[in-house]
PDB file of N, CA and C in Angstrom:
ATOM      1  N   MET A   1     103.869 105.783 122.748  1.00  0.00           N
ATOM      2  CA  MET A   1     104.447 104.999 123.134  1.00  0.00           C
ATOM      3  C   MET A   1     104.529 105.339 124.707  1.00  0.00           C
ATOM      4  N   ASN A   2     105.118 104.315 125.447  1.00  0.00           N
ATOM      5  CA  ASN A   2     104.835 104.702 126.430  1.00  0.00           C
ATOM      6  C   ASN A   2     105.591 105.088 127.209  1.00  0.00           C
ATOM      7  N   ALA A   3     106.606 105.067 128.633  1.00  0.00           N
ATOM      8  CA  ALA A   3     107.545 106.012 129.036  1.00  0.00           C
ATOM      9  C   ALA A   3     108.673 105.298 128.450  1.00  0.00           C
ATOM     10  N   ILE A   4     108.915 103.820 129.135  1.00  0.00           N
ATOM     11  CA  ILE A   4     110.334 102.539 129.089  1.00  0.00           C
ATOM     12  C   ILE A   4     110.576 102.621 127.789  1.00  0.00           C
ATOM     13  N   LYS A   5     109.550 102.965 126.968  1.00  0.00           N
ATOM     14  CA  LYS A   5     110.062 102.766 125.208  1.00  0.00           C
ATOM     15  C   LYS A   5     110.545 104.315 124.959  1.00  0.00           C
ATOM     16  N   GLU A   6     110.245 105.189 125.166  1.00  0.00           N
ATOM     17  CA  GLU A   6     110.693 106.433 125.024  1.00  0.00           C
ATOM     18  C   GLU A   6     112.023 106.815 125.849  1.00  0.00           C
ATOM     19  N   ARG A   7     112.489 105.870 127.011  1.00  0.00           N
ATOM     20  CA  ARG A   7     113.509 106.099 127.751  1.00  0.00           C
ATOM     21  C   ARG A   7     114.631 105.117 127.092  1.00  0.00           C
ATOM     22  N   ILE A   8     114.241 104.342 126.633  1.00  0.00           N
ATOM     23  CA  ILE A   8     114.931 102.845 125.850  1.00  0.00           C
ATOM     24  C   ILE A   8     115.678 104.101 124.246  1.00  0.00           C
ATOM     25  N   LEU A   9     114.542 104.630 123.691  1.00  0.00           N
ATOM     26  CA  LEU A   9     114.954 104.935 122.578  1.00  0.00           C
ATOM     27  C   LEU A   9     115.825 106.221 122.783  1.00  0.00           C
ATOM     28  N   GLY A  10     115.712 106.932 123.812  1.00  0.00           N
ATOM     29  CA  GLY A  10     116.279 107.957 124.122  1.00  0.00           C
ATOM     30  C   GLY A  10     117.778 107.723 124.565  1.00  0.00           C
ATOM     31  N   ALA A  11     118.021 107.178 125.137  1.00  0.00           N
ATOM     32  CA  ALA A  11     119.273 105.817 125.613  1.00  0.00           C
ATOM     33  C   ALA A  11     119.965 105.828 124.352  1.00  0.00           C
ATOM     34  N   VAL A  12     119.575 104.939 123.262  1.00  0.00           N
ATOM     35  CA  VAL A  12     119.822 104.581 122.067  1.00  0.00           C
ATOM     36  C   VAL A  12     120.095 105.907 121.405  1.00  0.00           C
ATOM     37  N   THR A  13     119.505 106.750 121.796  1.00  0.00           N
ATOM     38  CA  THR A  13     120.014 108.097 120.589  1.00  0.00           C
ATOM     39  C   THR A  13     121.209 108.480 121.060  1.00  0.00           C
ATOM     40  N   VAL A  14     121.622 108.563 122.256  1.00  0.00           N
ATOM     41  CA  VAL A  14     122.753 109.363 122.558  1.00  0.00           C
ATOM     42  C   VAL A  14     123.826 108.675 122.690  1.00  0.00           C
ATOM     43  N   MET A  15     124.067 107.166 122.778  1.00  0.00           N
ATOM     44  CA  MET A  15     125.060 106.135 122.676  1.00  0.00           C
ATOM     45  C   MET A  15     125.856 106.199 121.579  1.00  0.00           C
ATOM     46  N   ASP A  16     127.098 105.708 121.789  1.00  0.00           N
ATOM     47  CA  ASP A  16     127.988 105.602 120.194  1.00  0.00           C
ATOM     48  C   ASP A  16     127.707 104.783 119.838  1.00  0.00           C
ATOM     49  N   ASP A  17     128.014 104.485 118.514  1.00  0.00           N
ATOM     50  CA  ASP A  17     128.172 103.534 118.035  1.00  0.00           C
ATOM     51  C   ASP A  17     128.361 101.552 118.462  1.00  0.00           C
ATOM     52  N   SER A  18     129.342 101.785 119.028  1.00  0.00           N
ATOM     53  CA  SER A  18     130.048 100.656 119.555  1.00  0.00           C
ATOM     54  C   SER A  18     128.781 100.269 120.789  1.00  0.00           C
ATOM     55  N   ASP A  19     128.443 101.002 121.510  1.00  0.00           N
ATOM     56  CA  ASP A  19     127.390 100.441 122.573  1.00  0.00           C
ATOM     57  C   ASP A  19     126.322 100.080 121.770  1.00  0.00           C
ATOM     58  N   ALA A  20     125.992 101.106 120.750  1.00  0.00           N
ATOM     59  CA  ALA A  20     124.330 100.612 120.014  1.00  0.00           C
ATOM     60  C   ALA A  20     124.159  99.372 120.002  1.00  0.00           C
ATOM     61  N   GLN A  21     126.060  98.650 118.962  1.00  0.00           N
ATOM     62  CA  GLN A  21     126.111  97.627 118.598  1.00  0.00           C
ATOM     63  C   GLN A  21     125.494  96.650 119.549  1.00  0.00           C
ATOM     64  N   LYS A  22     126.003  96.813 120.762  1.00  0.00           N
ATOM     65  CA  LYS A  22     126.400  96.241 121.672  1.00  0.00           C
ATOM     66  C   LYS A  22     124.633  95.870 122.718  1.00  0.00           C
ATOM     67  N   VAL A  23     123.794  96.601 122.359  1.00  0.00           N
ATOM     68  CA  VAL A  23     122.519  96.950 122.931  1.00  0.00           C
ATOM     69  C   VAL A  23     121.835  95.964 121.291  1.00  0.00           C
ATOM     70  N   TRP A  24     122.716  95.860 120.006  1.00  0.00           N
ATOM     71  CA  TRP A  24     121.436  95.162 119.314  1.00  0.00           C
ATOM     72  C   TRP A  24     121.916  93.785 119.351  1.00  0.00           C
ATOM     73  N   GLU A  25     123.338  93.554 119.534  1.00  0.00           N
ATOM     74  CA  GLU A  25     123.524  92.172 119.838  1.00  0.00           C
ATOM     75  C   GLU A  25     122.269  91.363 120.856  1.00  0.00           C
ATOM     76  N   PHE A  26     122.387  92.233 122.031  1.00  0.00           N
ATOM     77  CA  PHE A  26     121.427  91.835 122.878  1.00  0.00           C
ATOM     78  C   PHE A  26     120.018  91.845 122.788  1.00  0.00           C
ATOM     79  N   VAL A  27     119.443  92.142 122.149  1.00  0.00           N
ATOM     80  CA  VAL A  27     118.265  92.517 121.416  1.00  0.00           C
ATOM     81  C   VAL A  27     118.144  91.037 120.638  1.00  0.00           C
ATOM     82  N   VAL A  28     119.554  90.958 119.758  1.00  0.00           N
ATOM     83  CA  VAL A  28     119.261  89.850 118.903  1.00  0.00           C
ATOM     84  C   VAL A  28     119.096  88.420 119.320  1.00  0.00           C
ATOM     85  N   GLU A  29     120.066  88.717 120.786  1.00  0.00           N
ATOM     86  CA  GLU A  29     120.372  87.366 121.137  1.00  0.00           C
ATOM     87  C   GLU A  29     119.264  87.136 122.028  1.00  0.00           C
ATOM     88  N   ASN A  30     119.037  88.033 123.076  1.00  0.00           N
ATOM     89  CA  ASN A  30     117.751  87.626 123.908  1.00  0.00           C
ATOM     90  C   ASN A  30     116.313  87.481 123.557  1.00  0.00           C
ATOM     91  N   LEU A  31     115.917  88.766 122.770  1.00  0.00           N
ATOM     92  CA  LEU A  31     114.554  88.862 122.250  1.00  0.00           C
ATOM     93  C   LEU A  31     114.027  88.814 121.104  1.00  0.00           C
ATOM     94  N   SER A  32     115.123  87.996 120.074  1.00  0.00           N
ATOM     95  CA  SER A  32     114.344  88.110 118.912  1.00  0.00           C
ATOM     96  C   SER A  32     114.163  86.230 118.427  1.00  0.00           C
ATOM     97  N   SER A  33     113.820  85.324 119.618  1.00  0.00           N
ATOM     98  CA  SER A  33     113.577  84.407 119.173  1.00  0.00           C
ATOM     99  C   SER A  33     112.051  84.460 119.022  1.00  0.00           C
ATOM    100  N   ARG A  34     111.437  85.214 119.128  1.00  0.00           N
ATOM    101  CA  ARG A  34     110.130  85.029 118.989  1.00  0.00           C
ATOM    102  C   ARG A  34     109.366  85.143 117.791  1.00  0.00           C
ATOM    103  N   SER A  35     108.714  84.350 117.303  1.00  0.00           N
ATOM    104  CA  SER A  35     108.063  84.168 116.220  1.00  0.00           C
ATOM    105  C   SER A  35     106.576  84.179 116.108  1.00  0.00           C
ATOM    106  N   TRP A  36     106.129  84.512 114.860  1.00  0.00           N
ATOM    107  CA  TRP A  36     104.569  84.588 114.233  1.00  0.00           C
ATOM    108  C   TRP A  36     103.673  83.129 115.328  1.00  0.00           C
ATOM    109  N   ASP A  37     104.255  82.139 115.704  1.00  0.00           N
ATOM    110  CA  ASP A  37     103.631  81.295 116.614  1.00  0.00           C
ATOM    111  C   ASP A  37     103.369  82.056 117.665  1.00  0.00           C
ATOM    112  N   ASP A  38     104.065  82.724 118.454  1.00  0.00           N
ATOM    113  CA  ASP A  38     104.236  83.375 119.851  1.00  0.00           C
ATOM    114  C   ASP A  38     102.730  84.283 119.791  1.00  0.00           C
ATOM    115  N   ILE A  39     102.546  84.639 118.678  1.00  0.00           N
ATOM    116  CA  ILE A  39     100.950  85.972 119.011  1.00  0.00           C
ATOM    117  C   ILE A  39      99.976  85.342 119.356  1.00  0.00           C
ATOM    118  N   GLU A  40      99.599  85.631 120.284  1.00  0.00           N
ATOM    119  CA  GLU A  40      97.702  84.931 120.517  1.00  0.00           C
ATOM    120  C   GLU A  40      96.905  85.000 119.198  1.00  0.00           C
ATOM    121  N   GLU A  41      96.074  84.174 119.036  1.00  0.00           N
ATOM    122  CA  GLU A  41      95.474  83.976 117.843  1.00  0.00           C
ATOM    123  C   GLU A  41      94.073  84.711 118.520  1.00  0.00           C
ATOM    124  N   ILE A  42      93.109  85.859 117.783  1.00  0.00           N
ATOM    125  CA  ILE A  42      91.776  86.127 118.650  1.00  0.00           C
ATOM    126  C   ILE A  42      90.785  86.076 117.317  1.00  0.00           C
ATOM    127  N   SER A  43      89.710  85.697 117.497  1.00  0.00           N
ATOM    128  CA  SER A  43      88.515  85.841 117.175  1.00  0.00           C
ATOM    129  C   SER A  43      88.261  87.571 116.603  1.00  0.00           C
ATOM    130  N   PRO A  44      87.517  87.713 115.774  1.00  0.00           N
ATOM    131  CA  PRO A  44      87.321  89.276 115.336  1.00  0.00           C
ATOM    132  C   PRO A  44      86.353  89.308 116.012  1.00  0.00           C
ATOM    133  N   ASP A  45      86.171  90.943 116.433  1.00  0.00           N
ATOM    134  CA  ASP A  45      85.111  91.270 117.102  1.00  0.00           C
ATOM    135  C   ASP A  45      83.807  91.344 115.809  1.00  0.00           C
ATOM    136  N   GLU A  46      82.767  92.281 116.617  1.00  0.00           N
ATOM    137  CA  GLU A  46      82.145  93.382 115.619  1.00  0.00           C
ATOM    138  C   GLU A  46      82.512  93.863 114.230  1.00  0.00           C
ATOM    139  N   TRP A  47      83.382  94.397 115.082  1.00  0.00           N
ATOM    140  CA  TRP A  47      83.910  95.801 114.158  1.00  0.00           C
ATOM    141  C   TRP A  47      85.042  95.190 113.090  1.00  0.00           C
ATOM    142  N   ASP A  48      85.867  93.738 113.122  1.00  0.00           N
ATOM    143  CA  ASP A  48      86.625  93.170 112.493  1.00  0.00           C
ATOM    144  C   ASP A  48      85.860  93.390 111.217  1.00  0.00           C
ATOM    145  N   LEU A  49      85.121  92.352 111.611  1.00  0.00           N
ATOM    146  CA  LEU A  49      83.753  91.700 110.964  1.00  0.00           C
ATOM    147  C   LEU A  49      82.857  92.605 109.874  1.00  0.00           C
ATOM    148  N   LYS A  50      82.476  93.691 110.313  1.00  0.00           N
ATOM    149  CA  LYS A  50      82.280  94.943 109.748  1.00  0.00           C
ATOM    150  C   LYS A  50      83.420  95.637 108.217  1.00  0.00           C
ATOM    151  N   MET A  51      84.697  95.914 109.074  1.00  0.00           N
ATOM    152  CA  MET A  51      85.588  95.832 107.937  1.00  0.00           C
ATOM    153  C   MET A  51      85.607  94.589 106.968  1.00  0.00           C
ATOM    154  N   LEU A  52      85.741  93.806 107.492  1.00  0.00           N
ATOM    155  CA  LEU A  52      86.400  92.902 106.363  1.00  0.00           C
ATOM    156  C   LEU A  52      84.781  92.714 105.455  1.00  0.00           C
ATOM    157  N   ASP A  53      84.028  92.884 105.924  1.00  0.00           N
ATOM    158  CA  ASP A  53      82.862  92.543 104.764  1.00  0.00           C
ATOM    159  C   ASP A  53      82.756  94.242 104.180  1.00  0.00           C
ATOM    160  N   ASP A  54      83.471  95.421 104.323  1.00  0.00           N
ATOM    161  CA  ASP A  54      83.421  96.654 103.583  1.00  0.00           C
ATOM    162  C   ASP A  54      85.025  96.673 102.205  1.00  0.00           C
ATOM    163  N   ILE A  55      85.444  95.067 102.853  1.00  0.00           N
ATOM    164  CA  ILE A  55      86.168  95.035 101.728  1.00  0.00           C
ATOM    165  C   ILE A  55      86.325  94.188 100.664  1.00  0.00           C
ATOM    166  N   ASP A  56      85.065  93.210 101.204  1.00  0.00           N
ATOM    167  CA  ASP A  56      84.341  92.907 100.275  1.00  0.00           C
ATOM    168  C   ASP A  56      83.238  93.040  98.834  1.00  0.00           C
ATOM    169  N   THR A  57      82.813  94.228 100.351  1.00  0.00           N
ATOM    170  CA  THR A  57      81.508  94.946  99.486  1.00  0.00           C
ATOM    171  C   THR A  57      81.247  96.268  99.153  1.00  0.00           C
ATOM    172  N   ASN A  58      82.093  96.823  99.876  1.00  0.00           N
ATOM    173  CA  ASN A  58      82.291  98.658  99.814  1.00  0.00           C
ATOM    174  C   ASN A  58      82.887  98.546  98.006  1.00  0.00           C
ATOM    175  N   PRO A  59      82.502  99.265  97.513  1.00  0.00           N
ATOM    176  CA  PRO A  59      83.158  99.800  96.408  1.00  0.00           C
ATOM    177  C   PRO A  59      84.215 101.000  96.545  1.00  0.00           C
ATOM    178  N   ASP A  60      83.992 101.927  97.435  1.00  0.00           N
ATOM    179  CA  ASP A  60      85.101 102.808  98.339  1.00  0.00           C
ATOM    180  C   ASP A  60      86.726 102.202  98.452  1.00  0.00           C
ATOM    181  N   CYS A  61      86.458 100.822  99.346  1.00  0.00           N
ATOM    182  CA  CYS A  61      87.393 100.330  99.909  1.00  0.00           C
ATOM    183  C   CYS A  61      88.241  99.819  98.668  1.00  0.00           C
ATOM    184  N   HIS A  62      88.079  99.939  97.074  1.00  0.00           N
ATOM    185  CA  HIS A  62      88.538  99.435  95.832  1.00  0.00           C
ATOM    186  C   HIS A  62      89.501 100.397  95.079  1.00  0.00           C
ATOM    187  N   GLU A  63      89.177 101.412  95.995  1.00  0.00           N
ATOM    188  CA  GLU A  63      89.639 102.817  95.295  1.00  0.00           C
ATOM    189  C   GLU A  63      91.162 103.553  95.593  1.00  0.00           C
ATOM    190  N   PHE A  64      92.262 102.880  94.859  1.00  0.00           N
ATOM    191  CA  PHE A  64      93.192 103.122  95.416  1.00  0.00           C
ATOM    192  C   PHE A  64      94.105 104.768  94.623  1.00  0.00           C
ATOM    193  N   VAL A  65      94.946 105.763  95.345  1.00  0.00           N
ATOM    194  CA  VAL A  65      95.697 106.123  94.286  1.00  0.00           C
ATOM    195  C   VAL A  65      97.392 105.801  94.728  1.00  0.00           C
ATOM    196  N   SER A  66      98.105 106.388  93.335  1.00  0.00           N
ATOM    197  CA  SER A  66      99.502 106.570  93.551  1.00  0.00           C
ATOM    198  C   SER A  66      99.914 107.346  94.455  1.00  0.00           C
ATOM    199  N   GLN A  67     100.747 107.228  94.868  1.00  0.00           N
ATOM    200  CA  GLN A  67     101.843 107.926  95.844  1.00  0.00           C
ATOM    201  C   GLN A  67     101.735 109.555  95.336  1.00  0.00           C
ATOM    202  N   GLU A  68     102.024 109.294  93.961  1.00  0.00           N
ATOM    203  CA  GLU A  68     102.241 110.976  93.224  1.00  0.00           C
ATOM    204  C   GLU A  68     100.863 111.768  93.411  1.00  0.00           C
ATOM    205  N   GLU A  69      99.869 110.902  93.335  1.00  0.00           N
ATOM    206  CA  GLU A  69      98.270 111.554  93.253  1.00  0.00           C
ATOM    207  C   GLU A  69      97.658 112.109  95.303  1.00  0.00           C
ATOM    208  N   LEU A  70      98.821 111.021  96.081  1.00  0.00           N
ATOM    209  CA  LEU A  70      98.698 111.523  96.918  1.00  0.00           C
ATOM    210  C   LEU A  70      99.500 112.869  97.789  1.00  0.00           C
ATOM    211  N   LEU A  71     100.461 112.627  96.957  1.00  0.00           N
ATOM    212  CA  LEU A  71     101.717 113.567  97.426  1.00  0.00           C
ATOM    213  C   LEU A  71     100.734 115.495  96.893  1.00  0.00           C
ATOM    214  N   LYS A  72     100.396 114.886  95.979  1.00  0.00           N
ATOM    215  CA  LYS A  72      99.963 116.431  94.889  1.00  0.00           C
ATOM    216  C   LYS A  72      98.354 116.960  95.419  1.00  0.00           C
ATOM    217  N   GLY A  73      98.008 115.806  95.802  1.00  0.00           N
ATOM    218  CA  GLY A  73      96.642 116.143  96.970  1.00  0.00           C
ATOM    219  C   GLY A  73      96.977 117.164  98.150  1.00  0.00           C
ATOM    220  N   LEU A  74      97.790 116.315  98.782  1.00  0.00           N
ATOM    221  CA  LEU A  74      98.157 117.037 100.227  1.00  0.00           C
ATOM    222  C   LEU A  74      99.202 118.720 100.174  1.00  0.00           C
ATOM    223  N   ASN A  75      99.272 118.988  98.676  1.00  0.00           N
ATOM    224  CA  ASN A  75     100.458 119.933  98.194  1.00  0.00           C
ATOM    225  C   ASN A  75     101.714 119.845  98.487  1.00  0.00           C
ATOM    226  N   LEU A  76     102.125 118.543  98.931  1.00  0.00           N
ATOM    227  CA  LEU A  76     103.557 118.143  99.189  1.00  0.00           C
ATOM    228  C   LEU A  76     104.378 118.048  97.729  1.00  0.00           C
ATOM    229  N   ARG A  77     104.148 118.242  96.535  1.00  0.00           N
ATOM    230  CA  ARG A  77     104.501 117.895  95.229  1.00  0.00           C
ATOM    231  C   ARG A  77     104.354 119.191  94.471  1.00  0.00           C
TER     232      ARG A  77
END
């Protein structure tokens, strides 16, 4: 996270609910008009193509564990 985002997060953290509501309204009215169409589409590079190929061909990419198994494996349950 860059410095300006940290400053924004810090400011929102200490403001009261009324001021936070005003900030949220500003965001919705002024910054949320963006859509998926605004995202630049780029071609996958060599690394991306390798990952996509692994998804299709590497059997390890098809092994999944449940959240419960993961938490047990991390000694969090």
